[in-house]
Amino acid sequence: MPAIISALIPVFLIILLGALLKRSTLFNDSAWTGFENLCYYVLFPVLLIKTLASAQLGNTELLRFSLLLLFAIVSMSGLMLLAYPLMNRFMGVNPAAFTSLLQGATRWHGFIALSIVGLLYGDPGITYMAITMAVIIPPLNIINVAVLARFGDSKSDLRGVLRKVIRNPFILACLVGAGLNLTSIGLPVYIREIFDILSGGALGLGLLVVGGGLQLGKVREQRGLVLFGALLRLLGMPALMFSGAWLFGIKGLPLVVAVLAGAVPTAASSYVLARQMGGDAPLMANLITAQVLLAIITLPGMMWLAGA
């Protein structure tokens, strides 16, 4: 456990630095939006393409790993949908709040996950995390968009949102990297050198962006639902990953990556989706911030249990 904590300390210190920089006068809001777009559309996709283009995985292991991931996200989504009437009756969870709780429990922060696995495990870890993204980002977005369309206050165009899912740069990068790998084309040496330079800035800048997105002054709003949502994500989702790993016989680094994907905070983009489709956007913002803060405590424990 001390070794895991020591390895994660730099990650959370960089997030803290991002929070401090956001509150300084060095960069305005437009600059932070630019940093986030740079990570989302360029640096992380380049990192994924570079890693997947040269990855070596067995088909049997890949299938079992994919089934583990799908088991966890489908189980969490199904359990929450079944529990919604009870949440509504005993906790006063209205439909809009439920959509934010579902997003908070099922979606995950790719910047944090990629940064941690890259710093701790290098290319092998990034390979499994890239596969994780390719497997779960499409169904997670479809599930959450469908629930928002059903329960949200907005009559947003579901088809239009799904088009955005298909154009997700992480998904496109995974497809390109996998295509280069399966066709044995790979990356030319000079292209790989360019990708090495670009992807080198992804992990640090991604964590700074996470810190810049925290809204520390609002965490106490709706603190009961916020705590409930944080526990669902930070403890409930890793528990389902462990269950799926036992069910499908996954051990070692794939197990660590799966648990890490379940134990990191929810996606920062959840707030935008909640705002666009009539979810409870203020609750979503509070969930994102609370989960990042509480993950400082829960994440090392989950990784230790996974054998990191």
Protein backbone atom coordinates (compact mmCIF):
# COMPACT_ATOMS: atom_id res chain seq x y z
CA MET A 1 0.00 0.00 0.00
CA PRO A 2 2.74 2.62 0.81
CA ALA A 3 4.28 2.02 -2.63
CA ILE A 4 0.92 2.61 -4.34
CA ILE A 5 0.30 5.78 -2.35
CA SER A 6 3.79 7.03 -3.20
CA ALA A 7 3.16 6.33 -6.88
CA LEU A 8 -0.17 8.19 -6.84
CA ILE A 9 1.01 11.22 -4.85
CA PRO A 10 2.51 12.92 -7.95
CA VAL A 11 -0.78 12.40 -9.81
CA PHE A 12 -2.85 14.18 -7.17
CA LEU A 13 -0.21 16.89 -6.66
CA ILE A 14 -0.40 17.71 -10.38
CA ILE A 15 -4.21 17.87 -10.10
CA LEU A 16 -3.78 20.21 -7.13
CA LEU A 17 -1.38 22.33 -9.17
CA GLY A 18 -4.01 22.57 -11.88
CA ALA A 19 -6.58 23.78 -9.32
CA LEU A 20 -4.15 26.43 -8.07
CA LEU A 21 -3.24 27.57 -11.57
CA LYS A 22 -6.94 27.89 -12.47
CA ARG A 23 -7.37 30.29 -9.55
CA SER A 24 -4.31 32.33 -10.51
CA THR A 25 -4.15 35.07 -13.14
CA LEU A 26 -1.78 33.18 -15.44
CA PHE A 27 -4.48 31.70 -17.69
CA ASN A 28 -8.03 32.80 -18.42
CA ASP A 29 -11.02 30.52 -19.00
CA SER A 30 -10.45 30.48 -22.76
CA ALA A 31 -6.93 29.17 -22.23
CA TRP A 32 -8.22 26.32 -20.03
CA THR A 33 -10.78 25.43 -22.69
CA GLY A 34 -7.93 25.33 -25.20
CA PHE A 35 -5.87 23.05 -22.94
CA GLU A 36 -8.80 20.66 -22.59
CA ASN A 37 -9.46 20.61 -26.33
CA LEU A 38 -5.76 20.02 -27.02
CA CYS A 39 -5.77 16.96 -24.73
CA TYR A 40 -9.09 15.67 -25.99
CA TYR A 41 -8.61 16.09 -29.72
CA VAL A 42 -4.83 15.79 -30.18
CA LEU A 43 -2.56 14.59 -27.37
CA PHE A 44 -4.52 11.65 -25.95
CA PRO A 45 -5.65 10.35 -29.37
CA VAL A 46 -2.01 10.45 -30.52
CA LEU A 47 -1.00 8.52 -27.39
CA LEU A 48 -3.68 5.88 -28.05
CA ILE A 49 -2.77 5.45 -31.72
CA LYS A 50 0.94 5.14 -30.95
CA THR A 51 0.37 2.55 -28.22
CA LEU A 52 -2.23 0.41 -29.98
CA ALA A 53 -0.33 0.36 -33.28
CA SER A 54 2.40 -1.78 -31.70
CA ALA A 55 0.41 -3.64 -29.00
CA GLN A 56 0.55 -7.43 -28.73
CA LEU A 57 -2.44 -9.17 -27.14
CA GLY A 58 -3.92 -12.64 -27.33
CA ASN A 59 -7.45 -12.87 -28.74
CA THR A 60 -8.73 -15.09 -25.92
CA GLU A 61 -7.48 -12.74 -23.22
CA LEU A 62 -8.86 -9.73 -25.08
CA LEU A 63 -12.31 -11.32 -25.30
CA ARG A 64 -12.44 -12.18 -21.59
CA PHE A 65 -11.18 -8.71 -20.66
CA SER A 66 -13.87 -7.09 -22.83
CA LEU A 67 -16.58 -9.27 -21.25
CA LEU A 68 -15.42 -8.20 -17.78
CA LEU A 69 -15.76 -4.52 -18.70
CA LEU A 70 -19.18 -4.94 -20.28
CA PHE A 71 -20.41 -7.00 -17.32
CA ALA A 72 -19.52 -4.20 -14.90
CA ILE A 73 -21.09 -1.30 -16.79
CA VAL A 74 -24.25 -3.19 -17.75
CA SER A 75 -24.68 -4.45 -14.18
CA MET A 76 -24.31 -0.97 -12.67
CA SER A 77 -26.69 0.57 -15.21
CA GLY A 78 -29.27 -2.17 -14.75
CA LEU A 79 -29.11 -2.10 -10.94
CA MET A 80 -29.55 1.68 -10.88
CA LEU A 81 -32.52 1.58 -13.23
CA LEU A 82 -34.13 -1.10 -11.07
CA ALA A 83 -33.41 0.92 -7.92
CA TYR A 84 -34.71 4.24 -9.28
CA PRO A 85 -38.27 3.84 -7.86
CA LEU A 86 -36.75 3.28 -4.41
CA MET A 87 -34.42 6.27 -4.82
CA ASN A 88 -37.37 8.40 -5.84
CA ARG A 89 -39.56 7.27 -2.93
CA PHE A 90 -37.09 7.21 -0.06
CA MET A 91 -34.38 9.69 -1.14
CA GLY A 92 -36.42 12.17 -3.15
CA VAL A 93 -34.36 11.59 -6.29
CA ASN A 94 -36.20 13.24 -9.18
CA PRO A 95 -35.72 12.11 -12.80
CA ALA A 96 -33.15 14.81 -13.65
CA ALA A 97 -31.09 14.01 -10.54
CA PHE A 98 -31.23 10.31 -11.38
CA THR A 99 -29.62 10.92 -14.78
CA SER A 100 -26.72 12.69 -13.07
CA LEU A 101 -26.35 9.90 -10.50
CA LEU A 102 -26.26 7.35 -13.35
CA GLN A 103 -23.64 9.34 -15.24
CA GLY A 104 -21.66 9.77 -12.05
CA ALA A 105 -21.71 6.03 -11.33
CA THR A 106 -21.00 4.66 -14.81
CA ARG A 107 -18.94 7.17 -16.80
CA TRP A 108 -15.23 7.58 -16.06
CA HIS A 109 -12.48 10.16 -16.33
CA GLY A 110 -10.23 9.06 -19.17
CA PHE A 111 -7.61 11.76 -18.50
CA ILE A 112 -7.01 10.52 -14.95
CA ALA A 113 -7.10 6.82 -15.90
CA LEU A 114 -4.69 7.21 -18.81
CA SER A 115 -2.34 9.43 -16.82
CA ILE A 116 -2.13 7.03 -13.87
CA VAL A 117 -1.69 3.90 -15.95
CA GLY A 118 0.87 5.62 -18.18
CA LEU A 119 2.93 6.82 -15.24
CA LEU A 120 2.80 3.49 -13.40
CA TYR A 121 2.85 0.86 -16.18
CA GLY A 122 3.97 2.53 -19.40
CA ASP A 123 2.89 1.19 -22.80
CA PRO A 124 1.52 -2.19 -21.57
CA GLY A 125 -0.85 -0.39 -19.19
CA ILE A 126 -1.83 2.17 -21.80
CA THR A 127 -2.61 -0.66 -24.22
CA TYR A 128 -5.14 -2.20 -21.86
CA MET A 129 -6.58 1.22 -21.04
CA ALA A 130 -6.98 1.95 -24.74
CA ILE A 131 -8.85 -1.32 -25.16
CA THR A 132 -10.99 -0.38 -22.16
CA MET A 133 -11.91 2.88 -23.86
CA ALA A 134 -12.74 1.17 -27.15
CA VAL A 135 -14.96 -1.37 -25.40
CA ILE A 136 -16.92 0.74 -22.94
CA ILE A 137 -17.09 4.31 -24.25
CA PRO A 138 -19.70 3.54 -26.97
CA PRO A 139 -22.15 1.54 -24.78
CA LEU A 140 -21.70 3.91 -21.82
CA ASN A 141 -22.55 6.92 -23.94
CA ILE A 142 -25.50 5.19 -25.56
CA ILE A 143 -26.87 4.09 -22.16
CA ASN A 144 -26.52 7.54 -20.61
CA VAL A 145 -27.85 9.40 -23.63
CA ALA A 146 -30.86 7.08 -23.76
CA VAL A 147 -31.58 7.60 -20.05
CA LEU A 148 -31.20 11.36 -20.41
CA ALA A 149 -33.56 11.32 -23.37
CA ARG A 150 -36.09 9.39 -21.26
CA PHE A 151 -35.70 11.12 -17.88
CA GLY A 152 -34.15 14.52 -18.68
CA ASP A 153 -36.04 17.80 -18.91
CA SER A 154 -34.83 18.57 -22.42
CA LYS A 155 -36.17 17.24 -25.72
CA SER A 156 -32.69 17.00 -27.19
CA ASP A 157 -32.11 15.21 -30.47
CA LEU A 158 -30.93 11.72 -29.49
CA ARG A 159 -29.70 11.01 -33.01
CA GLY A 160 -27.54 14.12 -32.99
CA VAL A 161 -25.93 13.19 -29.68
CA LEU A 162 -25.26 9.66 -30.89
CA ARG A 163 -23.48 11.11 -33.92
CA LYS A 164 -21.14 12.88 -31.51
CA VAL A 165 -20.50 9.56 -29.78
CA ILE A 166 -19.50 7.97 -33.08
CA ARG A 167 -17.12 10.88 -33.73
CA ASN A 168 -15.51 10.62 -30.28
CA PRO A 169 -11.76 11.21 -30.88
CA PHE A 170 -10.79 8.51 -28.38
CA ILE A 171 -12.89 5.93 -30.21
CA LEU A 172 -11.54 7.03 -33.61
CA ALA A 173 -7.98 6.88 -32.27
CA CYS A 174 -8.53 3.35 -30.94
CA LEU A 175 -9.91 2.26 -34.31
CA VAL A 176 -6.95 3.78 -36.19
CA GLY A 177 -4.40 2.25 -33.80
CA ALA A 178 -6.07 -1.16 -33.90
CA GLY A 179 -6.28 -1.00 -37.71
CA LEU A 180 -2.57 -0.22 -38.01
CA ASN A 181 -1.85 -3.14 -35.68
CA LEU A 182 -4.12 -5.73 -37.31
CA THR A 183 -2.91 -4.89 -40.82
CA SER A 184 0.73 -4.97 -39.62
CA ILE A 185 1.23 -1.55 -41.17
CA GLY A 186 2.31 0.04 -37.89
CA LEU A 187 3.68 3.55 -37.71
CA PRO A 188 6.60 4.74 -39.87
CA VAL A 189 9.64 5.62 -37.78
CA TYR A 190 9.42 9.37 -38.31
CA ILE A 191 5.68 9.41 -37.57
CA ARG A 192 6.26 7.42 -34.37
CA GLU A 193 8.94 9.93 -33.31
CA ILE A 194 6.48 12.77 -33.83
CA PHE A 195 3.82 10.88 -31.86
CA ASP A 196 6.33 10.19 -29.07
CA ILE A 197 7.00 13.92 -28.69
CA LEU A 198 3.32 14.90 -28.80
CA SER A 199 2.08 12.15 -26.48
CA GLY A 200 4.77 13.01 -23.94
CA GLY A 201 2.76 16.10 -22.97
CA ALA A 202 -0.59 14.33 -22.70
CA LEU A 203 -0.36 12.89 -19.19
CA GLY A 204 0.81 15.99 -17.35
CA LEU A 205 -1.42 18.46 -19.17
CA GLY A 206 -4.41 16.12 -18.80
CA LEU A 207 -4.02 16.09 -15.01
CA LEU A 208 -3.63 19.88 -14.88
CA VAL A 209 -6.91 20.17 -16.81
CA VAL A 210 -8.62 17.90 -14.25
CA GLY A 211 -7.51 20.21 -11.45
CA GLY A 212 -8.60 23.27 -13.38
CA GLY A 213 -12.11 21.85 -13.69
CA LEU A 214 -12.74 21.40 -9.96
CA GLN A 215 -15.48 23.55 -8.36
CA LEU A 216 -14.45 23.34 -4.71
CA GLY A 217 -16.87 25.94 -3.40
CA LYS A 218 -20.00 23.96 -4.36
CA VAL A 219 -19.30 20.48 -2.98
CA ARG A 220 -21.52 20.98 0.08
CA GLU A 221 -24.60 21.59 -2.06
CA GLN A 222 -26.83 18.49 -2.10
CA ARG A 223 -24.21 16.76 0.03
CA GLY A 224 -26.38 13.70 0.74
CA LEU A 225 -26.86 12.85 -2.93
CA VAL A 226 -23.28 13.83 -3.69
CA LEU A 227 -21.90 11.41 -1.09
CA PHE A 228 -24.27 8.67 -2.28
CA GLY A 229 -23.21 9.18 -5.90
CA ALA A 230 -19.54 9.23 -4.97
CA LEU A 231 -19.81 5.92 -3.11
CA LEU A 232 -21.61 4.34 -6.07
CA ARG A 233 -18.75 5.30 -8.36
CA LEU A 234 -15.66 4.92 -6.18
CA LEU A 235 -16.67 1.74 -4.33
CA GLY A 236 -19.60 0.20 -6.23
CA MET A 237 -18.07 0.20 -9.70
CA PRO A 238 -14.72 -1.28 -8.57
CA ALA A 239 -16.68 -3.98 -6.73
CA LEU A 240 -18.40 -4.91 -9.99
CA MET A 241 -15.04 -4.96 -11.78
CA PHE A 242 -13.71 -7.38 -9.16
CA SER A 243 -16.82 -9.52 -9.56
CA GLY A 244 -16.43 -9.59 -13.33
CA ALA A 245 -12.73 -10.45 -13.02
CA TRP A 246 -13.59 -13.43 -10.82
CA LEU A 247 -16.32 -14.48 -13.23
CA PHE A 248 -14.12 -14.36 -16.34
CA GLY A 249 -10.80 -15.35 -14.78
CA ILE A 250 -8.94 -12.05 -15.24
CA LYS A 251 -5.77 -11.46 -13.19
CA GLY A 252 -2.59 -9.39 -13.25
CA LEU A 253 -2.27 -6.12 -15.14
CA PRO A 254 -5.65 -6.47 -16.95
CA LEU A 255 -7.36 -6.71 -13.54
CA VAL A 256 -5.50 -3.65 -12.25
CA VAL A 257 -6.48 -1.64 -15.33
CA ALA A 258 -10.13 -2.72 -15.11
CA VAL A 259 -10.34 -1.81 -11.42
CA LEU A 260 -8.59 1.50 -12.09
CA ALA A 261 -11.13 2.30 -14.83
CA GLY A 262 -13.89 1.61 -12.31
CA ALA A 263 -12.26 3.48 -9.43
CA VAL A 264 -11.38 6.81 -11.09
CA PRO A 265 -13.86 9.69 -10.82
CA THR A 266 -16.59 10.25 -13.37
CA ALA A 267 -16.00 12.05 -16.67
CA ALA A 268 -15.77 15.84 -16.64
CA SER A 269 -17.79 15.86 -19.88
CA SER A 270 -20.75 14.49 -17.89
CA TYR A 271 -21.54 18.07 -16.86
CA VAL A 272 -21.81 19.22 -20.47
CA LEU A 273 -24.07 16.30 -21.37
CA ALA A 274 -26.28 16.94 -18.34
CA ARG A 275 -26.63 20.59 -19.29
CA GLN A 276 -27.37 19.82 -22.94
CA MET A 277 -29.96 17.12 -22.31
CA GLY A 278 -31.85 18.36 -19.27
CA GLY A 279 -30.09 16.49 -16.47
CA ASP A 280 -29.29 18.00 -13.06
CA ALA A 281 -26.16 19.93 -14.10
CA PRO A 282 -25.39 21.48 -10.65
CA LEU A 283 -25.55 18.03 -9.04
CA MET A 284 -23.33 16.67 -11.80
CA ALA A 285 -20.72 19.37 -11.16
CA ASN A 286 -20.74 18.57 -7.45
CA LEU A 287 -20.41 14.85 -8.14
CA ILE A 288 -17.36 15.40 -10.35
CA THR A 289 -15.56 17.53 -7.75
CA ALA A 290 -16.44 15.31 -4.76
CA GLN A 291 -15.34 12.18 -6.58
CA VAL A 292 -11.95 13.63 -7.49
CA LEU A 293 -11.37 14.64 -3.87
CA LEU A 294 -12.56 11.34 -2.37
CA ALA A 295 -10.60 9.30 -4.91
CA ILE A 296 -7.45 10.45 -3.12
CA ILE A 297 -8.56 8.11 -0.31
CA THR A 298 -10.32 5.31 -2.19
CA LEU A 299 -8.15 4.85 -5.28
CA PRO A 300 -4.99 3.60 -3.54
CA GLY A 301 -7.05 1.02 -1.64
CA MET A 302 -8.76 -0.27 -4.78
CA MET A 303 -5.44 -0.62 -6.63
CA TRP A 304 -3.88 -2.40 -3.65
CA LEU A 305 -6.76 -4.88 -3.59
CA ALA A 306 -6.26 -5.43 -7.34
CA GLY A 307 -2.64 -6.32 -6.73
CA ALA A 308 -1.03 -3.22 -8.20
